[in-house]
Amino acid sequence: MNLYSKRREKLMQDLGKNAAVLIFSGKAVMCSEDEAYPFKVNRNFYYLTGLEKEDMVLLMNKYDGKVTETLFILPYDETLARWVGGRMSKQEASDISEVQNVQDFNDLDDYVGSILNRNRKDNLFKFYFDFWHYNVDQTETPAITYANKLKAKYPYLLVKDIYPFLTGMRLVKDEYEITCMKQAIHITNLGIQSMMKICKPTLNEMAMEGAFNFVLNQNVCNENAFKTIAASGERATILHYSENNQVMQDGELFLCDLGATFKHYCADISRTFPVNGKFTERQKEIYELVLQAQRIVEQNAKVGVKIKDLNDMVVNFYEAELPKHGLTKGVREYYFHSISHHLGLDTHDVDGGMGAELQAGNVITNEPGLYIADEGIGIRIEDDLLITGTGAVNLSSEIIKTPEDIENFMKK
């Protein structure tokens, strides 16, 4: 039994005696004419199957306590194979997912109909879908579309959301997931080092982003965890600056917030370093404050603590220290985001909110910052922490961050 089989088994154990779960891999969204946006598999589907192709459906049915699994995929198409490559075969899909029964996508409706007819007299039977939806205006997901179709045909059907069950599972990373995230972080480190080596005044921010992406491609990583932030000077005081198209100037700081992926698991790292390789005294003064705030979080992140608690610690530290350094406008003028979020198959991964207590196996970010627009100083330092039974382990400790190490590395 592979890890995907084990995950499906655990998920179904949490449901009632009779229940069904239907999860879609997703479909590429069309962009223009015959061009589609790059496809990204539904992370919950991938978490349960290891498959990353579009137009696949996982159906799990529990009847009298016995679970059956069926995977529905599109049939092989000879013409398509000649143009863009063949679709995954049934055997390939089964080998990866360990779902033994793989059927034609067109058989899905008949399978679902047979399950509903068999359970029609059971008023406790529930049909679960992944109803994740980020905002009201978002395009309907395949799950919502299909669930609405079923409700129109079977008005008595009790439809439920499987997302909370999967959130609980995905929050706690297993050994395989941690290994994948460590590799994503390692590749990210190589990319940051490449940026630091070429960094100099008159270079465009876009060249820095390109240097990072080139290293990702060298390491067979074709998926960034998110859109890279490559910001110099005052632009680094904009939290999610992403234009990355301005020329860097002598005496400025360069802030990067970026991440590679490995097996779809994300790294999320921020580093700030001087464009010319040497911090000014003022830059170093502010940088050390951010570094101290980061150490406070790492030392206090542990089981039972809440992300809100960690954020409060940073705010309290800044409230005491910032006035000593001439920053008197109030903490939220210089630090206006949160200290952390969960990390995993998504950069902003599933979580229980800032008020939820951390558990062993959680991976969270540690990203304090200070942003002083009128001085053109924007600094953020971000690492990825694994919560264990004894505290926090910095998974990104290999990535240098002290002013001394940075200046020594950047010496030409």
Protein backbone atom coordinates (compact mmCIF):
# COMPACT_ATOMS: atom_id res chain seq x y z
CA MET A 1 0.00 0.00 0.00
CA ASN A 2 1.57 3.32 -1.08
CA LEU A 3 1.14 6.66 0.67
CA TYR A 4 -1.79 7.67 -1.56
CA SER A 5 -3.70 4.49 -0.69
CA LYS A 6 -3.05 5.11 2.99
CA ARG A 7 -4.35 8.67 2.73
CA ARG A 8 -7.54 7.52 1.01
CA GLU A 9 -8.04 4.82 3.62
CA LYS A 10 -7.66 7.32 6.46
CA LEU A 11 -10.06 9.76 4.81
CA MET A 12 -12.79 7.18 4.37
CA GLN A 13 -12.43 5.97 7.95
CA ASP A 14 -13.62 9.37 9.14
CA LEU A 15 -16.88 9.18 7.17
CA GLY A 16 -20.09 7.37 8.04
CA LYS A 17 -21.05 3.78 7.25
CA ASN A 18 -22.45 4.71 3.83
CA ALA A 19 -20.90 7.63 1.95
CA ALA A 20 -19.31 8.56 -1.37
CA VAL A 21 -16.56 11.03 -2.25
CA LEU A 22 -16.02 12.53 -5.71
CA ILE A 23 -12.90 14.62 -6.40
CA PHE A 24 -11.92 16.19 -9.73
CA SER A 25 -8.36 16.83 -10.92
CA GLY A 26 -9.51 19.98 -12.73
CA LYS A 27 -9.39 21.36 -16.23
CA ALA A 28 -7.11 23.89 -17.91
CA VAL A 29 -8.73 27.31 -18.31
CA MET A 30 -8.69 28.73 -21.82
CA CYS A 31 -6.68 31.91 -22.28
CA SER A 32 -7.09 33.10 -25.87
CA GLU A 33 -8.11 31.41 -29.13
CA ASP A 34 -6.65 27.87 -28.90
CA GLU A 35 -4.27 28.66 -26.04
CA ALA A 36 -4.88 27.55 -22.44
CA TYR A 37 -3.36 28.77 -19.20
CA PRO A 38 -0.86 26.32 -17.67
CA PHE A 39 -2.78 23.57 -15.92
CA LYS A 40 -2.43 23.13 -12.17
CA VAL A 41 -3.90 20.00 -10.69
CA ASN A 42 -6.38 20.23 -7.82
CA ARG A 43 -4.13 19.76 -4.82
CA ASN A 44 -6.58 17.55 -2.93
CA PHE A 45 -6.90 15.23 -5.93
CA TYR A 46 -3.11 15.06 -6.19
CA TYR A 47 -2.78 14.48 -2.43
CA LEU A 48 -5.00 11.39 -2.70
CA THR A 49 -3.74 9.96 -6.01
CA GLY A 50 -0.31 11.30 -6.98
CA LEU A 51 -1.77 12.03 -10.42
CA GLU A 52 -1.39 15.47 -12.00
CA LYS A 53 -3.31 15.30 -15.30
CA GLU A 54 -6.48 17.19 -16.13
CA ASP A 55 -9.91 15.63 -16.66
CA MET A 56 -9.54 12.85 -14.10
CA VAL A 57 -12.02 11.97 -11.35
CA LEU A 58 -11.58 9.91 -8.20
CA LEU A 59 -14.72 8.21 -6.86
CA MET A 60 -14.62 6.49 -3.47
CA ASN A 61 -17.74 4.70 -2.27
CA LYS A 62 -18.33 3.28 1.21
CA TYR A 63 -21.22 0.80 1.45
CA ASP A 64 -21.87 -1.13 4.67
CA GLY A 65 -18.36 -0.18 5.78
CA LYS A 66 -16.62 -1.56 2.67
CA VAL A 67 -14.78 0.93 0.44
CA THR A 68 -14.42 0.68 -3.33
CA GLU A 69 -12.31 3.06 -5.41
CA THR A 70 -12.68 3.95 -9.07
CA LEU A 71 -10.63 6.33 -11.18
CA PHE A 72 -12.12 7.87 -14.33
CA ILE A 73 -9.78 9.14 -17.04
CA LEU A 74 -10.07 10.18 -20.67
CA PRO A 75 -9.43 7.40 -23.22
CA TYR A 76 -6.22 7.24 -25.22
CA ASP A 77 -6.39 9.36 -28.39
CA GLU A 78 -4.09 8.43 -31.30
CA THR A 79 -4.51 11.78 -33.08
CA LEU A 80 -3.81 13.75 -29.91
CA ALA A 81 -0.74 11.61 -29.28
CA ARG A 82 0.74 12.65 -32.63
CA TRP A 83 0.26 16.33 -31.83
CA VAL A 84 1.03 16.78 -28.12
CA GLY A 85 1.77 13.30 -26.74
CA GLY A 86 -0.46 10.52 -25.53
CA ARG A 87 -2.73 10.66 -22.55
CA MET A 88 -1.90 8.57 -19.51
CA SER A 89 -2.95 4.96 -19.91
CA LYS A 90 -5.20 3.18 -17.42
CA GLN A 91 -2.30 1.02 -16.28
CA GLU A 92 -0.03 4.04 -15.71
CA ALA A 93 -2.73 5.78 -13.69
CA SER A 94 -3.31 2.66 -11.62
CA ASP A 95 0.41 2.11 -11.00
CA ILE A 96 0.86 5.62 -9.60
CA SER A 97 -2.35 5.88 -7.58
CA GLU A 98 -2.85 2.22 -6.65
CA VAL A 99 -6.49 2.58 -7.63
CA GLN A 100 -7.14 -0.81 -9.19
CA ASN A 101 -10.34 0.02 -11.04
CA VAL A 102 -9.72 2.59 -13.79
CA GLN A 103 -12.60 3.39 -16.12
CA ASP A 104 -13.45 5.61 -19.07
CA PHE A 105 -14.41 9.16 -18.10
CA ASN A 106 -17.68 8.79 -20.00
CA ASP A 107 -18.80 6.05 -17.58
CA LEU A 108 -18.81 8.41 -14.59
CA ASP A 109 -22.51 9.32 -14.70
CA ASP A 110 -23.62 5.68 -14.79
CA TYR A 111 -21.38 4.81 -11.80
CA VAL A 112 -22.68 7.74 -9.79
CA GLY A 113 -26.27 6.89 -10.70
CA SER A 114 -25.88 3.30 -9.51
CA ILE A 115 -24.48 4.46 -6.17
CA LEU A 116 -27.33 6.92 -5.61
CA ASN A 117 -30.01 4.40 -6.52
CA ARG A 118 -28.54 1.83 -4.17
CA ASN A 119 -28.56 4.32 -1.28
CA ARG A 120 -31.88 5.99 -2.04
CA LYS A 121 -33.59 4.59 1.05
CA ASP A 122 -30.73 5.60 3.34
CA ASN A 123 -31.48 9.08 4.65
CA LEU A 124 -28.05 9.18 6.33
CA PHE A 125 -26.14 8.66 3.07
CA LYS A 126 -23.92 11.61 2.18
CA PHE A 127 -22.19 12.47 -1.09
CA TYR A 128 -19.01 14.47 -0.51
CA PHE A 129 -17.39 16.90 -2.95
CA ASP A 130 -14.40 19.21 -2.67
CA PHE A 131 -16.28 22.51 -2.53
CA TRP A 132 -13.23 24.73 -2.11
CA HIS A 133 -14.06 28.22 -3.37
CA TYR A 134 -11.83 31.22 -2.66
CA ASN A 135 -14.22 34.05 -3.43
CA VAL A 136 -17.76 34.72 -4.62
CA ASP A 137 -16.83 35.83 -8.13
CA GLN A 138 -14.61 32.82 -8.84
CA THR A 139 -15.52 30.59 -11.79
CA GLU A 140 -17.41 27.45 -10.78
CA THR A 141 -15.19 24.46 -10.14
CA PRO A 142 -15.99 21.11 -11.79
CA ALA A 143 -17.06 19.83 -8.37
CA ILE A 144 -19.65 22.58 -7.90
CA THR A 145 -20.95 22.16 -11.45
CA TYR A 146 -21.34 18.40 -11.06
CA ALA A 147 -22.88 18.62 -7.59
CA ASN A 148 -25.47 21.10 -8.89
CA LYS A 149 -26.28 18.71 -11.75
CA LEU A 150 -26.83 15.85 -9.31
CA LYS A 151 -28.99 17.95 -6.98
CA ALA A 152 -31.20 18.87 -9.94
CA LYS A 153 -31.73 15.18 -10.75
CA TYR A 154 -31.78 13.88 -7.17
CA PRO A 155 -33.36 16.63 -5.00
CA TYR A 156 -33.25 14.43 -1.90
CA LEU A 157 -29.46 14.02 -2.13
CA LEU A 158 -27.53 15.12 0.95
CA VAL A 159 -24.38 16.85 -0.38
CA LYS A 160 -21.48 17.66 1.96
CA ASP A 161 -18.02 19.24 1.72
CA ILE A 162 -14.99 16.94 2.07
CA TYR A 163 -12.62 19.93 2.26
CA PRO A 164 -12.56 20.19 6.10
CA PHE A 165 -11.60 16.50 6.38
CA LEU A 166 -8.74 16.95 3.90
CA THR A 167 -7.60 20.14 5.58
CA GLY A 168 -7.08 18.25 8.83
CA MET A 169 -5.00 15.63 7.05
CA ARG A 170 -2.90 18.01 4.95
CA LEU A 171 -2.02 20.19 7.93
CA VAL A 172 0.19 17.44 9.36
CA LYS A 173 3.03 16.59 6.99
CA ASP A 174 4.41 13.07 6.75
CA GLU A 175 8.06 12.14 6.18
CA TYR A 176 7.68 12.06 2.39
CA GLU A 177 6.17 15.54 2.34
CA ILE A 178 8.96 16.95 4.51
CA THR A 179 11.56 15.40 2.18
CA CYS A 180 9.90 17.04 -0.82
CA MET A 181 9.80 20.42 0.89
CA LYS A 182 13.46 20.17 1.87
CA GLN A 183 14.34 19.56 -1.77
CA ALA A 184 12.24 22.54 -2.87
CA ILE A 185 14.07 24.67 -0.31
CA HIS A 186 17.46 23.39 -1.47
CA ILE A 187 16.71 24.34 -5.08
CA THR A 188 15.50 27.74 -3.86
CA ASN A 189 18.81 28.24 -2.06
CA LEU A 190 20.74 27.54 -5.26
CA GLY A 191 18.58 30.09 -7.06
CA ILE A 192 19.16 32.75 -4.39
CA GLN A 193 22.90 32.16 -4.53
CA SER A 194 22.79 32.67 -8.29
CA MET A 195 21.00 35.99 -7.79
CA MET A 196 23.51 37.13 -5.21
CA LYS A 197 26.40 36.32 -7.53
CA ILE A 198 25.14 38.49 -10.39
CA CYS A 199 23.62 41.29 -8.28
CA LYS A 200 25.05 44.73 -9.08
CA PRO A 201 23.95 48.31 -9.74
CA THR A 202 22.44 49.00 -13.21
CA LEU A 203 21.09 45.43 -13.45
CA ASN A 204 17.35 45.08 -14.01
CA GLU A 205 15.21 43.32 -11.42
CA MET A 206 13.97 41.09 -14.23
CA ALA A 207 17.47 39.72 -14.74
CA MET A 208 17.51 38.71 -11.07
CA GLU A 209 14.22 36.88 -11.49
CA GLY A 210 15.58 35.24 -14.63
CA ALA A 211 18.69 34.03 -12.81
CA PHE A 212 16.49 32.36 -10.22
CA ASN A 213 14.25 30.72 -12.81
CA PHE A 214 17.25 29.45 -14.77
CA VAL A 215 18.49 27.55 -11.71
CA LEU A 216 15.01 26.06 -11.23
CA ASN A 217 15.05 24.81 -14.82
CA GLN A 218 18.55 23.40 -14.33
CA ASN A 219 17.13 21.36 -11.47
CA VAL A 220 14.16 20.11 -13.52
CA CYS A 221 11.73 22.39 -11.70
CA ASN A 222 9.26 24.01 -14.08
CA GLU A 223 6.84 25.31 -11.47
CA ASN A 224 7.47 28.26 -9.17
CA ALA A 225 5.68 28.11 -5.84
CA PHE A 226 4.28 31.56 -6.65
CA LYS A 227 5.08 34.66 -8.68
CA THR A 228 8.54 35.84 -7.69
CA ILE A 229 8.92 39.18 -5.92
CA ALA A 230 12.17 40.82 -7.05
CA ALA A 231 12.13 44.34 -5.61
CA SER A 232 14.88 46.90 -5.14
CA GLY A 233 14.91 50.19 -3.28
CA GLU A 234 11.57 51.74 -2.34
CA ARG A 235 9.73 49.04 -4.35
CA ALA A 236 10.73 46.57 -1.63
CA THR A 237 8.37 48.41 0.72
CA ILE A 238 5.43 47.19 -1.41
CA LEU A 239 4.49 43.84 0.08
CA HIS A 240 3.49 42.03 -3.11
CA TYR A 241 5.38 44.02 -5.72
CA SER A 242 5.64 41.82 -8.82
CA GLU A 243 6.45 43.98 -11.85
CA ASN A 244 10.16 43.18 -11.43
CA ASN A 245 11.22 45.49 -14.25
CA GLN A 246 13.20 48.38 -12.74
CA VAL A 247 16.93 49.06 -12.75
CA MET A 248 18.67 48.52 -9.41
CA GLN A 249 20.70 51.43 -8.07
CA ASP A 250 23.92 51.62 -6.08
CA GLY A 251 23.20 51.83 -2.34
CA GLU A 252 19.78 50.16 -2.55
CA LEU A 253 18.66 46.92 -0.96
CA PHE A 254 17.22 44.07 -3.02
CA LEU A 255 14.37 41.99 -1.55
CA CYS A 256 13.35 38.66 -3.04
CA ASP A 257 10.39 36.54 -1.98
CA LEU A 258 10.28 33.33 -3.96
CA GLY A 259 10.21 29.55 -3.95
CA ALA A 260 10.84 26.45 -6.00
CA THR A 261 8.63 23.38 -5.90
CA PHE A 262 9.36 19.66 -5.79
CA LYS A 263 6.57 17.17 -6.50
CA HIS A 264 4.28 20.22 -6.16
CA TYR A 265 5.46 20.87 -2.58
CA CYS A 266 6.44 24.50 -2.06
CA ALA A 267 9.30 26.46 -0.59
CA ASP A 268 8.64 30.05 0.48
CA ILE A 269 11.78 32.05 1.24
CA SER A 270 12.60 35.75 1.52
CA ARG A 271 16.05 37.27 1.61
CA THR A 272 17.23 40.87 1.51
CA PHE A 273 20.73 41.91 0.47
CA PRO A 274 22.58 45.03 -0.72
CA VAL A 275 22.69 45.64 -4.46
CA ASN A 276 26.38 46.58 -4.28
CA GLY A 277 27.26 43.82 -1.83
CA LYS A 278 27.72 46.06 1.22
CA PHE A 279 25.10 47.15 3.77
CA THR A 280 25.09 50.75 4.93
CA GLU A 281 25.10 51.22 8.68
CA ARG A 282 21.43 52.24 8.64
CA GLN A 283 20.45 49.28 6.49
CA LYS A 284 22.31 46.91 8.78
CA GLU A 285 20.70 48.52 11.84
CA ILE A 286 17.17 47.86 10.52
CA TYR A 287 18.13 44.45 9.15
CA GLU A 288 19.31 43.30 12.59
CA LEU A 289 15.94 44.26 14.08
CA VAL A 290 14.15 42.03 11.58
CA LEU A 291 16.63 39.24 12.23
CA GLN A 292 16.01 39.49 15.98
CA ALA A 293 12.26 39.32 15.41
CA GLN A 294 12.74 36.20 13.32
CA ARG A 295 14.78 34.55 16.07
CA ILE A 296 12.01 35.28 18.59
CA VAL A 297 9.53 33.40 16.40
CA GLU A 298 11.82 30.43 15.82
CA GLN A 299 12.55 30.12 19.53
CA ASN A 300 8.86 30.23 20.52
CA ALA A 301 7.16 28.27 17.73
CA LYS A 302 6.03 24.97 19.23
CA VAL A 303 3.06 22.67 19.74
CA GLY A 304 0.13 24.50 21.36
CA VAL A 305 1.26 27.99 20.38
CA LYS A 306 -0.89 29.92 17.90
CA ILE A 307 0.34 31.90 14.90
CA LYS A 308 -1.47 34.85 16.45
CA ASP A 309 0.69 34.44 19.58
CA LEU A 310 3.85 34.52 17.47
CA ASN A 311 2.67 37.60 15.62
CA ASP A 312 1.90 39.35 18.91
CA MET A 313 5.44 38.61 20.11
CA VAL A 314 6.87 40.33 17.04
CA VAL A 315 4.57 43.34 17.40
CA ASN A 316 5.50 43.67 21.06
CA PHE A 317 9.20 43.46 20.20
CA TYR A 318 8.86 46.13 17.53
CA GLU A 319 6.82 48.39 19.83
CA ALA A 320 9.69 48.37 22.30
CA GLU A 321 12.55 48.64 19.79
CA LEU A 322 11.45 50.75 16.82
CA PRO A 323 11.31 54.11 18.67
CA LYS A 324 14.95 53.57 19.70
CA HIS A 325 15.80 53.64 15.99
CA GLY A 326 13.82 56.72 15.06
CA LEU A 327 10.71 54.85 13.88
CA THR A 328 7.91 56.50 15.83
CA LYS A 329 4.81 56.27 13.62
CA GLY A 330 3.52 53.05 15.19
CA VAL A 331 4.35 49.45 14.44
CA ARG A 332 1.68 48.89 11.79
CA GLU A 333 3.15 51.69 9.67
CA TYR A 334 6.31 49.63 9.28
CA TYR A 335 5.06 46.05 9.70
CA PHE A 336 1.60 45.50 8.19
CA HIS A 337 1.34 41.77 7.49
CA SER A 338 1.27 38.63 9.62
CA ILE A 339 4.29 36.68 10.77
CA SER A 340 3.33 33.33 9.26
CA HIS A 341 1.14 31.00 7.26
CA HIS A 342 1.09 27.25 6.69
CA LEU A 343 3.09 25.80 3.80
CA GLY A 344 2.74 22.60 1.78
CA LEU A 345 1.16 21.72 -1.55
CA ASP A 346 0.06 25.35 -1.68
CA THR A 347 2.21 28.32 -0.73
CA HIS A 348 -0.61 29.62 1.44
CA ASP A 349 -1.55 26.12 2.46
CA VAL A 350 -4.68 24.84 4.16
CA ASP A 351 -4.82 25.89 7.80
CA GLY A 352 -7.04 26.32 10.81
CA GLY A 353 -6.59 30.10 11.02
CA MET A 354 -4.30 32.26 13.14
CA GLY A 355 -6.16 31.19 16.27
CA ALA A 356 -5.52 27.45 15.81
CA GLU A 357 -2.87 25.79 17.94
CA LEU A 358 0.19 24.46 16.13
CA GLN A 359 0.61 20.69 15.92
CA ALA A 360 3.63 18.48 15.40
CA GLY A 361 4.04 18.05 11.64
CA ASN A 362 2.87 21.55 10.72
CA VAL A 363 5.15 23.54 8.43
CA ILE A 364 4.85 27.30 8.76
CA THR A 365 6.70 30.33 7.47
CA ASN A 366 8.62 32.75 9.69
CA GLU A 367 8.66 36.10 7.90
CA PRO A 368 8.99 39.32 9.87
CA GLY A 369 9.70 42.48 7.94
CA LEU A 370 10.13 46.24 8.23
CA TYR A 371 9.19 48.66 5.46
CA ILE A 372 10.30 52.30 5.66
CA ALA A 373 9.15 53.94 2.44
CA ASP A 374 10.59 57.40 3.12
CA GLU A 375 14.05 55.84 3.56
CA GLY A 376 13.68 53.44 0.63
CA ILE A 377 14.31 50.49 2.97
CA GLY A 378 12.26 47.33 2.69
CA ILE A 379 13.50 44.24 4.53
CA ARG A 380 11.91 40.82 4.89
CA ILE A 381 13.64 37.64 6.06
CA GLU A 382 11.67 34.42 5.70
CA ASP A 383 12.40 30.80 6.61
CA ASP A 384 10.27 27.65 6.71
CA LEU A 385 9.78 25.97 10.08
CA LEU A 386 8.77 22.39 10.88
CA ILE A 387 6.91 22.11 14.18
CA THR A 388 8.03 19.07 16.20
CA GLY A 389 7.32 17.69 19.64
CA THR A 390 10.29 19.64 21.00
CA GLY A 391 9.99 22.97 19.20
CA ALA A 392 10.71 24.18 15.69
CA VAL A 393 13.27 23.03 13.12
CA ASN A 394 14.38 25.56 10.52
CA LEU A 395 14.15 23.64 7.24
CA SER A 396 15.90 26.48 5.40
CA SER A 397 18.88 26.91 7.71
CA GLU A 398 21.26 26.31 4.76
CA ILE A 399 20.28 29.68 3.24
CA ILE A 400 22.60 32.38 4.58
CA LYS A 401 21.06 35.46 6.17
CA THR A 402 23.41 37.26 8.57
CA PRO A 403 24.84 40.53 7.22
CA GLU A 404 28.37 39.18 7.57
CA ASP A 405 27.66 35.96 5.65
CA ILE A 406 25.83 37.85 2.92
CA GLU A 407 28.62 40.40 2.43
CA ASN A 408 31.27 37.70 2.39
CA PHE A 409 29.34 35.69 -0.19
CA MET A 410 28.78 38.71 -2.41
CA LYS A 411 32.40 39.80 -2.51
CA LYS A 412 33.45 40.02 -6.12
